[in-house]
Amino acid sequence: MASQNMDPAAATSTAALKGSDTGGSAARGSVSKRLQQELMTLMMSGDKGISAFPESDNLFKWIGTIDGAQGTVYEGLRYKLSLEFPSGYPYKAPRVKFITSCFHPNVDENGFICLDILKEKWSALYDVRSILLSIQSLLGEPNNESPMNATAAELWENQGAYKAHLHATYKK
């Protein structure tokens, strides 16, 4: 049985041994098809507070938006993210980062996000929708055990001060 994270385009096959073109453009085509399906799923989902669309005509680069969840210090704030999909997607995780500056324990000053599903816990079963929902959830529930921003992690304990700092430094 094949692993859910095994890229069939990267696996050696009898067709590849015979000299057929099984990688390259064929793999890119299947990634494009998957991304088109994910775009339709995301548009039809009706999830509040998340969206993403390809940047211009490049299906491998998307711009996403996340609204801070109700009841969190991020409520009322909207963040833009970039999503870049490798040719090995969905077997390789996309590169996701905040474009909008985000003060958060698990986001560094360059916008990179420390989230296990974007790293070692990545699975080909994840899609753009699940990534955006996970990041939206992370905003309100950071992992202070492994902060990328120590100042934000320390301030998190005092939600009043955290919210004041967050709103003072937020730039649309």
N, C-alpha and C. Protein backbone atom coordinates (compact mmCIF):
# COMPACT_ATOMS: atom_id res chain seq x y z
N MET A 1 0.85 -1.18 0.00
CA MET A 1 0.00 0.00 0.00
C MET A 1 0.89 1.24 0.00
N ALA A 2 0.57 2.21 -0.83
CA ALA A 2 1.39 3.41 -0.97
C ALA A 2 1.14 4.37 0.19
N SER A 3 2.14 5.08 0.55
CA SER A 3 2.04 6.08 1.60
C SER A 3 1.29 7.30 1.07
N GLN A 4 0.52 7.96 1.93
CA GLN A 4 -0.22 9.15 1.51
C GLN A 4 0.70 10.29 1.13
N ASN A 5 1.95 10.26 1.57
CA ASN A 5 2.89 11.33 1.25
C ASN A 5 3.89 10.93 0.19
N MET A 6 3.71 9.80 -0.45
CA MET A 6 4.62 9.37 -1.50
C MET A 6 4.19 10.01 -2.81
N ASP A 7 5.11 10.71 -3.44
CA ASP A 7 4.83 11.36 -4.71
C ASP A 7 4.97 10.33 -5.83
N PRO A 8 3.85 9.98 -6.48
CA PRO A 8 3.96 8.97 -7.52
C PRO A 8 4.82 9.42 -8.69
N ALA A 9 4.92 10.72 -8.92
CA ALA A 9 5.76 11.23 -10.02
C ALA A 9 7.24 11.03 -9.71
N ALA A 10 7.58 10.95 -8.43
CA ALA A 10 8.97 10.78 -8.04
C ALA A 10 9.36 9.31 -7.92
N ALA A 11 8.37 8.44 -7.84
CA ALA A 11 8.64 7.02 -7.69
C ALA A 11 9.11 6.42 -9.01
N THR A 12 10.01 5.47 -8.92
CA THR A 12 10.49 4.79 -10.13
C THR A 12 9.40 3.85 -10.61
N SER A 13 9.13 3.88 -11.89
CA SER A 13 8.11 3.00 -12.45
C SER A 13 8.66 2.33 -13.69
N THR A 14 7.94 1.32 -14.16
CA THR A 14 8.40 0.64 -15.37
C THR A 14 8.32 1.58 -16.56
N ALA A 15 7.35 2.50 -16.56
CA ALA A 15 7.25 3.47 -17.65
C ALA A 15 8.49 4.37 -17.67
N ALA A 16 8.95 4.75 -16.49
CA ALA A 16 10.13 5.61 -16.43
C ALA A 16 11.36 4.85 -16.93
N LEU A 17 11.42 3.56 -16.61
CA LEU A 17 12.55 2.76 -17.06
C LEU A 17 12.55 2.59 -18.58
N LYS A 18 11.37 2.63 -19.18
CA LYS A 18 11.27 2.50 -20.64
C LYS A 18 11.52 3.83 -21.35
N GLY A 19 11.72 4.90 -20.57
CA GLY A 19 12.05 6.18 -21.17
C GLY A 19 10.86 7.09 -21.39
N SER A 20 9.70 6.73 -20.87
CA SER A 20 8.52 7.60 -21.02
C SER A 20 8.66 8.82 -20.15
N ASP A 21 7.98 9.91 -20.54
CA ASP A 21 7.98 11.15 -19.75
C ASP A 21 6.89 11.06 -18.70
N THR A 22 7.25 10.62 -17.47
CA THR A 22 6.25 10.51 -16.39
C THR A 22 6.37 11.64 -15.40
N GLY A 23 7.43 12.40 -15.44
CA GLY A 23 7.61 13.50 -14.49
C GLY A 23 7.32 14.82 -15.17
N GLY A 24 8.04 15.84 -14.74
CA GLY A 24 7.99 17.15 -15.38
C GLY A 24 6.61 17.69 -15.65
N SER A 25 6.26 17.84 -16.92
CA SER A 25 5.00 18.48 -17.30
C SER A 25 3.79 17.68 -16.85
N ALA A 26 3.87 16.36 -16.84
CA ALA A 26 2.75 15.54 -16.39
C ALA A 26 2.47 15.77 -14.91
N ALA A 27 3.53 15.83 -14.11
CA ALA A 27 3.38 16.07 -12.68
C ALA A 27 2.82 17.47 -12.43
N ARG A 28 3.33 18.45 -13.18
CA ARG A 28 2.85 19.82 -13.05
C ARG A 28 1.37 19.92 -13.41
N GLY A 29 0.98 19.15 -14.41
CA GLY A 29 -0.43 19.13 -14.82
C GLY A 29 -1.33 18.58 -13.74
N SER A 30 -0.88 17.53 -13.06
CA SER A 30 -1.71 16.96 -11.99
C SER A 30 -1.77 17.91 -10.79
N VAL A 31 -0.68 18.65 -10.54
CA VAL A 31 -0.69 19.64 -9.46
C VAL A 31 -1.66 20.76 -9.82
N SER A 32 -1.64 21.21 -11.05
CA SER A 32 -2.57 22.25 -11.49
C SER A 32 -4.01 21.80 -11.32
N LYS A 33 -4.28 20.58 -11.68
CA LYS A 33 -5.64 20.04 -11.54
C LYS A 33 -6.06 20.01 -10.08
N ARG A 34 -5.15 19.56 -9.22
CA ARG A 34 -5.45 19.51 -7.79
C ARG A 34 -5.72 20.93 -7.25
N LEU A 35 -4.89 21.90 -7.63
CA LEU A 35 -5.06 23.27 -7.16
C LEU A 35 -6.37 23.88 -7.68
N GLN A 36 -6.75 23.57 -8.89
CA GLN A 36 -8.03 24.05 -9.41
C GLN A 36 -9.19 23.47 -8.60
N GLN A 37 -9.09 22.19 -8.25
CA GLN A 37 -10.13 21.56 -7.43
C GLN A 37 -10.19 22.20 -6.05
N GLU A 38 -9.02 22.49 -5.47
CA GLU A 38 -8.97 23.11 -4.14
C GLU A 38 -9.56 24.51 -4.17
N LEU A 39 -9.31 25.24 -5.25
CA LEU A 39 -9.87 26.58 -5.39
C LEU A 39 -11.40 26.51 -5.41
N MET A 40 -11.95 25.57 -6.17
CA MET A 40 -13.40 25.41 -6.23
C MET A 40 -13.96 25.00 -4.87
N THR A 41 -13.30 24.08 -4.19
CA THR A 41 -13.75 23.64 -2.86
C THR A 41 -13.75 24.81 -1.88
N LEU A 42 -12.70 25.60 -1.91
CA LEU A 42 -12.59 26.74 -1.01
C LEU A 42 -13.68 27.77 -1.30
N MET A 43 -13.93 28.02 -2.57
CA MET A 43 -14.95 29.00 -2.95
C MET A 43 -16.35 28.52 -2.56
N MET A 44 -16.59 27.23 -2.61
CA MET A 44 -17.91 26.68 -2.30
C MET A 44 -18.11 26.39 -0.81
N SER A 45 -17.02 26.41 -0.03
CA SER A 45 -17.10 25.98 1.37
C SER A 45 -17.93 26.90 2.25
N GLY A 46 -17.91 28.18 1.96
CA GLY A 46 -18.65 29.12 2.79
C GLY A 46 -18.02 29.37 4.15
N ASP A 47 -16.76 28.97 4.32
CA ASP A 47 -16.07 29.22 5.59
C ASP A 47 -15.91 30.72 5.78
N LYS A 48 -16.27 31.19 6.95
CA LYS A 48 -16.14 32.62 7.23
C LYS A 48 -14.71 32.93 7.65
N GLY A 49 -14.20 34.05 7.14
CA GLY A 49 -12.91 34.53 7.60
C GLY A 49 -11.70 33.98 6.90
N ILE A 50 -11.89 33.16 5.87
CA ILE A 50 -10.73 32.68 5.10
C ILE A 50 -11.06 32.76 3.61
N SER A 51 -10.05 33.08 2.82
CA SER A 51 -10.18 33.04 1.36
C SER A 51 -8.79 32.95 0.75
N ALA A 52 -8.73 32.50 -0.49
CA ALA A 52 -7.46 32.45 -1.20
C ALA A 52 -7.74 32.32 -2.69
N PHE A 53 -6.90 32.98 -3.48
CA PHE A 53 -7.04 32.94 -4.93
C PHE A 53 -5.65 32.97 -5.54
N PRO A 54 -5.51 32.40 -6.73
CA PRO A 54 -4.22 32.48 -7.41
C PRO A 54 -3.83 33.94 -7.66
N GLU A 55 -2.54 34.18 -7.55
CA GLU A 55 -1.99 35.51 -7.82
C GLU A 55 -1.86 35.64 -9.34
N SER A 56 -2.57 36.56 -9.93
CA SER A 56 -2.64 36.75 -11.39
C SER A 56 -2.95 35.41 -12.07
N ASP A 57 -2.16 35.02 -13.05
CA ASP A 57 -2.47 33.77 -13.77
C ASP A 57 -1.56 32.61 -13.35
N ASN A 58 -0.86 32.76 -12.24
CA ASN A 58 0.03 31.70 -11.76
C ASN A 58 -0.67 30.85 -10.72
N LEU A 59 -1.06 29.65 -11.09
CA LEU A 59 -1.79 28.75 -10.20
C LEU A 59 -0.92 28.25 -9.04
N PHE A 60 0.40 28.43 -9.14
CA PHE A 60 1.31 27.94 -8.11
C PHE A 60 1.62 29.00 -7.04
N LYS A 61 1.09 30.22 -7.20
CA LYS A 61 1.25 31.29 -6.20
C LYS A 61 -0.11 31.88 -5.90
N TRP A 62 -0.50 31.79 -4.63
CA TRP A 62 -1.80 32.30 -4.21
C TRP A 62 -1.63 33.38 -3.16
N ILE A 63 -2.65 34.22 -3.06
CA ILE A 63 -2.75 35.20 -1.97
C ILE A 63 -3.96 34.78 -1.14
N GLY A 64 -3.75 34.60 0.14
CA GLY A 64 -4.83 34.22 1.04
C GLY A 64 -5.13 35.33 2.03
N THR A 65 -6.32 35.29 2.59
CA THR A 65 -6.66 36.22 3.67
C THR A 65 -7.27 35.42 4.81
N ILE A 66 -6.95 35.88 6.00
CA ILE A 66 -7.48 35.28 7.22
C ILE A 66 -7.97 36.42 8.11
N ASP A 67 -9.19 36.29 8.58
CA ASP A 67 -9.72 37.23 9.57
C ASP A 67 -9.51 36.61 10.94
N GLY A 68 -9.13 37.45 11.90
CA GLY A 68 -8.98 36.96 13.26
C GLY A 68 -10.31 36.42 13.77
N ALA A 69 -10.27 35.28 14.43
CA ALA A 69 -11.50 34.62 14.90
C ALA A 69 -12.17 35.42 16.01
N GLN A 70 -13.49 35.35 16.05
CA GLN A 70 -14.26 36.02 17.09
C GLN A 70 -13.84 35.49 18.45
N GLY A 71 -13.82 36.40 19.42
CA GLY A 71 -13.49 36.01 20.79
C GLY A 71 -12.00 35.92 21.05
N THR A 72 -11.17 36.28 20.06
CA THR A 72 -9.72 36.28 20.26
C THR A 72 -9.22 37.72 20.17
N VAL A 73 -7.98 37.94 20.58
CA VAL A 73 -7.39 39.28 20.47
C VAL A 73 -7.23 39.71 19.01
N TYR A 74 -7.33 38.76 18.08
CA TYR A 74 -7.18 39.05 16.66
C TYR A 74 -8.51 39.40 15.98
N GLU A 75 -9.61 39.34 16.73
CA GLU A 75 -10.93 39.65 16.17
C GLU A 75 -10.91 41.05 15.55
N GLY A 76 -11.45 41.15 14.34
CA GLY A 76 -11.51 42.44 13.65
C GLY A 76 -10.28 42.75 12.81
N LEU A 77 -9.26 41.91 12.88
CA LEU A 77 -8.03 42.13 12.10
C LEU A 77 -8.03 41.18 10.90
N ARG A 78 -7.50 41.65 9.79
CA ARG A 78 -7.41 40.82 8.58
C ARG A 78 -5.95 40.75 8.13
N TYR A 79 -5.53 39.54 7.81
CA TYR A 79 -4.14 39.30 7.40
C TYR A 79 -4.08 38.70 6.01
N LYS A 80 -3.09 39.16 5.24
CA LYS A 80 -2.80 38.59 3.93
C LYS A 80 -1.64 37.62 4.07
N LEU A 81 -1.73 36.53 3.32
CA LEU A 81 -0.66 35.53 3.31
C LEU A 81 -0.31 35.19 1.87
N SER A 82 0.91 34.72 1.69
CA SER A 82 1.30 34.17 0.39
C SER A 82 1.42 32.67 0.54
N LEU A 83 0.97 31.96 -0.48
CA LEU A 83 1.08 30.51 -0.52
C LEU A 83 1.77 30.14 -1.82
N GLU A 84 2.90 29.45 -1.72
CA GLU A 84 3.64 29.01 -2.91
C GLU A 84 3.68 27.49 -2.91
N PHE A 85 3.18 26.92 -4.00
CA PHE A 85 3.07 25.47 -4.10
C PHE A 85 4.21 24.89 -4.91
N PRO A 86 4.93 23.92 -4.35
CA PRO A 86 6.02 23.29 -5.09
C PRO A 86 5.47 22.34 -6.15
N SER A 87 6.28 21.98 -7.11
CA SER A 87 5.83 21.04 -8.14
C SER A 87 5.47 19.68 -7.56
N GLY A 88 5.96 19.38 -6.36
CA GLY A 88 5.65 18.11 -5.70
C GLY A 88 4.40 18.15 -4.83
N TYR A 89 3.66 19.27 -4.85
CA TYR A 89 2.42 19.38 -4.09
C TYR A 89 1.41 18.36 -4.62
N PRO A 90 0.64 17.70 -3.83
CA PRO A 90 0.42 17.84 -2.39
C PRO A 90 1.34 16.97 -1.52
N TYR A 91 2.32 16.33 -2.14
CA TYR A 91 3.22 15.46 -1.37
C TYR A 91 4.28 16.26 -0.63
N LYS A 92 4.45 17.51 -1.04
CA LYS A 92 5.34 18.45 -0.35
C LYS A 92 4.51 19.65 0.07
N ALA A 93 4.76 20.14 1.27
CA ALA A 93 3.99 21.26 1.82
C ALA A 93 4.23 22.54 1.05
N PRO A 94 3.21 23.38 0.95
CA PRO A 94 3.43 24.70 0.35
C PRO A 94 4.21 25.59 1.30
N ARG A 95 4.80 26.63 0.77
CA ARG A 95 5.49 27.63 1.59
C ARG A 95 4.47 28.72 1.87
N VAL A 96 4.15 28.90 3.14
CA VAL A 96 3.12 29.85 3.53
C VAL A 96 3.74 30.87 4.48
N LYS A 97 3.48 32.15 4.22
CA LYS A 97 3.97 33.19 5.12
C LYS A 97 3.02 34.37 5.11
N PHE A 98 3.06 35.12 6.20
CA PHE A 98 2.24 36.32 6.30
C PHE A 98 2.86 37.42 5.45
N ILE A 99 2.02 38.11 4.68
CA ILE A 99 2.45 39.31 3.98
C ILE A 99 2.22 40.50 4.91
N THR A 100 1.03 40.51 5.53
CA THR A 100 0.71 41.53 6.53
C THR A 100 1.56 41.21 7.76
N SER A 101 2.20 42.21 8.33
CA SER A 101 2.98 42.01 9.54
C SER A 101 2.08 41.42 10.62
N CYS A 102 2.55 40.36 11.27
CA CYS A 102 1.73 39.67 12.26
C CYS A 102 2.51 39.47 13.56
N PHE A 103 2.07 40.13 14.61
CA PHE A 103 2.67 39.96 15.93
C PHE A 103 2.03 38.74 16.56
N HIS A 104 2.82 37.67 16.69
CA HIS A 104 2.30 36.39 17.20
C HIS A 104 3.47 35.54 17.67
N PRO A 105 3.28 34.75 18.73
CA PRO A 105 4.36 33.90 19.23
C PRO A 105 4.95 32.94 18.19
N ASN A 106 4.13 32.48 17.23
CA ASN A 106 4.59 31.47 16.27
C ASN A 106 4.83 32.02 14.88
N VAL A 107 5.04 33.36 14.80
CA VAL A 107 5.33 34.01 13.52
C VAL A 107 6.57 34.88 13.72
N ASP A 108 7.56 34.70 12.83
CA ASP A 108 8.77 35.52 12.97
C ASP A 108 8.61 36.87 12.27
N GLU A 109 9.64 37.71 12.36
CA GLU A 109 9.56 39.07 11.82
C GLU A 109 9.46 39.09 10.30
N ASN A 110 9.77 37.97 9.63
CA ASN A 110 9.65 37.89 8.17
C ASN A 110 8.32 37.29 7.73
N GLY A 111 7.47 36.93 8.69
CA GLY A 111 6.16 36.38 8.36
C GLY A 111 6.10 34.87 8.29
N PHE A 112 7.24 34.20 8.52
CA PHE A 112 7.23 32.74 8.47
C PHE A 112 6.52 32.18 9.70
N ILE A 113 5.81 31.08 9.50
CA ILE A 113 4.93 30.51 10.51
C ILE A 113 5.49 29.19 11.01
N CYS A 114 5.51 29.04 12.32
CA CYS A 114 5.89 27.75 12.93
C CYS A 114 4.60 26.99 13.20
N LEU A 115 4.27 26.07 12.32
CA LEU A 115 3.06 25.26 12.43
C LEU A 115 3.40 23.87 11.94
N ASP A 116 3.21 22.87 12.80
CA ASP A 116 3.65 21.51 12.48
C ASP A 116 3.09 20.97 11.17
N ILE A 117 1.86 21.33 10.80
CA ILE A 117 1.31 20.78 9.55
C ILE A 117 1.96 21.38 8.30
N LEU A 118 2.73 22.45 8.49
CA LEU A 118 3.47 23.01 7.35
C LEU A 118 4.90 22.47 7.32
N LYS A 119 5.23 21.66 8.28
CA LYS A 119 6.58 21.12 8.38
C LYS A 119 6.53 19.59 8.50
N GLU A 120 6.94 19.06 9.64
CA GLU A 120 7.08 17.62 9.81
C GLU A 120 5.77 16.85 9.84
N LYS A 121 4.65 17.50 10.14
CA LYS A 121 3.36 16.81 10.20
C LYS A 121 2.55 16.99 8.90
N TRP A 122 3.20 17.47 7.85
CA TRP A 122 2.50 17.67 6.58
C TRP A 122 1.97 16.34 6.05
N SER A 123 0.79 16.37 5.47
CA SER A 123 0.18 15.21 4.85
C SER A 123 -0.44 15.64 3.53
N ALA A 124 -0.40 14.77 2.55
CA ALA A 124 -1.03 15.05 1.25
C ALA A 124 -2.54 15.19 1.39
N LEU A 125 -3.08 14.82 2.53
CA LEU A 125 -4.52 14.96 2.76
C LEU A 125 -4.93 16.39 3.07
N TYR A 126 -3.97 17.23 3.46
CA TYR A 126 -4.28 18.64 3.74
C TYR A 126 -4.50 19.38 2.43
N ASP A 127 -5.31 20.43 2.52
CA ASP A 127 -5.54 21.29 1.36
C ASP A 127 -5.47 22.75 1.80
N VAL A 128 -5.68 23.67 0.87
CA VAL A 128 -5.57 25.10 1.17
C VAL A 128 -6.55 25.48 2.28
N ARG A 129 -7.76 24.95 2.20
CA ARG A 129 -8.78 25.26 3.21
C ARG A 129 -8.31 24.84 4.59
N SER A 130 -7.79 23.64 4.74
CA SER A 130 -7.35 23.16 6.06
C SER A 130 -6.13 23.95 6.55
N ILE A 131 -5.27 24.38 5.65
CA ILE A 131 -4.11 25.20 6.03
C ILE A 131 -4.58 26.54 6.60
N LEU A 132 -5.48 27.21 5.86
CA LEU A 132 -5.96 28.51 6.31
C LEU A 132 -6.73 28.41 7.63
N LEU A 133 -7.55 27.39 7.77
CA LEU A 133 -8.30 27.20 9.03
C LEU A 133 -7.34 26.92 10.19
N SER A 134 -6.28 26.17 9.93
CA SER A 134 -5.28 25.87 10.97
C SER A 134 -4.55 27.14 11.41
N ILE A 135 -4.19 27.98 10.45
CA ILE A 135 -3.50 29.23 10.77
C ILE A 135 -4.44 30.17 11.52
N GLN A 136 -5.70 30.21 11.09
CA GLN A 136 -6.69 31.04 11.79
C GLN A 136 -6.84 30.58 13.24
N SER A 137 -6.86 29.29 13.45
CA SER A 137 -6.95 28.73 14.80
C SER A 137 -5.69 29.03 15.61
N LEU A 138 -4.54 28.93 14.95
CA LEU A 138 -3.26 29.21 15.62
C LEU A 138 -3.21 30.64 16.14
N LEU A 139 -3.82 31.58 15.43
CA LEU A 139 -3.80 32.97 15.89
C LEU A 139 -4.34 33.07 17.32
N GLY A 140 -5.45 32.41 17.59
CA GLY A 140 -6.05 32.48 18.92
C GLY A 140 -5.51 31.50 19.93
N GLU A 141 -4.78 30.49 19.44
CA GLU A 141 -4.24 29.45 20.32
C GLU A 141 -2.79 29.15 19.95
N PRO A 142 -1.88 30.05 20.30
CA PRO A 142 -0.47 29.83 19.93
C PRO A 142 0.16 28.68 20.70
N ASN A 143 1.24 28.18 20.13
CA ASN A 143 2.05 27.18 20.83
C ASN A 143 3.23 27.92 21.45
N ASN A 144 3.08 28.28 22.71
CA ASN A 144 4.14 29.03 23.40
C ASN A 144 5.31 28.15 23.81
N GLU A 145 5.22 26.86 23.57
CA GLU A 145 6.33 25.95 23.88
C GLU A 145 7.48 26.12 22.89
N SER A 146 7.16 26.54 21.68
CA SER A 146 8.23 26.74 20.68
C SER A 146 7.99 28.06 19.93
N PRO A 147 8.17 29.18 20.64
CA PRO A 147 7.91 30.47 20.00
C PRO A 147 9.00 30.90 19.02
N MET A 148 8.58 31.58 17.97
CA MET A 148 9.52 32.21 17.04
C MET A 148 9.69 33.68 17.41
N ASN A 149 8.73 34.18 18.19
CA ASN A 149 8.75 35.56 18.66
C ASN A 149 8.61 35.52 20.18
N ALA A 150 9.75 35.58 20.87
CA ALA A 150 9.77 35.46 22.33
C ALA A 150 9.01 36.59 23.02
N THR A 151 9.06 37.79 22.46
CA THR A 151 8.35 38.93 23.05
C THR A 151 6.84 38.67 23.04
N ALA A 152 6.34 38.21 21.91
CA ALA A 152 4.90 37.91 21.81
C ALA A 152 4.53 36.77 22.76
N ALA A 153 5.39 35.77 22.87
CA ALA A 153 5.11 34.63 23.76
C ALA A 153 5.02 35.08 25.21
N GLU A 154 5.93 35.95 25.63
CA GLU A 154 5.91 36.45 27.01
C GLU A 154 4.68 37.32 27.27
N LEU A 155 4.34 38.16 26.31
CA LEU A 155 3.22 39.07 26.46
C LEU A 155 1.87 38.35 26.40
N TRP A 156 1.83 37.19 25.78
CA TRP A 156 0.58 36.43 25.59
C TRP A 156 -0.16 36.19 26.91
N GLU A 157 0.59 35.99 27.98
CA GLU A 157 -0.03 35.71 29.28
C GLU A 157 -0.91 36.86 29.76
N ASN A 158 -0.60 38.09 29.36
CA ASN A 158 -1.38 39.26 29.74
C ASN A 158 -2.16 39.70 28.51
N GLN A 159 -3.36 39.14 28.33
CA GLN A 159 -4.14 39.36 27.11
C GLN A 159 -4.48 40.83 26.87
N GLY A 160 -4.68 41.61 27.93
CA GLY A 160 -4.97 43.04 27.77
C GLY A 160 -3.80 43.77 27.15
N ALA A 161 -2.61 43.54 27.69
CA ALA A 161 -1.40 44.17 27.17
C ALA A 161 -1.08 43.65 25.76
N TYR A 162 -1.31 42.36 25.55
CA TYR A 162 -1.05 41.76 24.25
C TYR A 162 -1.93 42.41 23.18
N LYS A 163 -3.22 42.52 23.50
CA LYS A 163 -4.16 43.11 22.54
C LYS A 163 -3.81 44.57 22.25
N ALA A 164 -3.44 45.31 23.29
CA ALA A 164 -3.06 46.71 23.11
C ALA A 164 -1.84 46.82 22.18
N HIS A 165 -0.83 45.99 22.41
CA HIS A 165 0.37 46.01 21.57
C HIS A 165 0.02 45.58 20.14
N LEU A 166 -0.78 44.53 20.01
CA LEU A 166 -1.18 44.00 18.71
C LEU A 166 -1.88 45.08 17.88
N HIS A 167 -2.85 45.74 18.48
CA HIS A 167 -3.62 46.74 17.74
C HIS A 167 -2.80 48.01 17.47
N ALA A 168 -1.85 48.31 18.35
CA ALA A 168 -1.00 49.48 18.14
C ALA A 168 -0.02 49.25 16.99
N THR A 169 0.37 48.01 16.76
CA THR A 169 1.38 47.71 15.74
C THR A 169 0.79 47.14 14.45
N TYR A 170 -0.52 46.87 14.44
CA TYR A 170 -1.17 46.28 13.26
C TYR A 170 -1.20 47.29 12.11
N LYS A 171 -0.78 46.82 10.94
CA LYS A 171 -0.82 47.65 9.73
C LYS A 171 -1.56 46.86 8.66
N LYS A 172 -2.57 47.46 8.09
CA LYS A 172 -3.37 46.77 7.06
C LYS A 172 -2.59 46.51 5.80
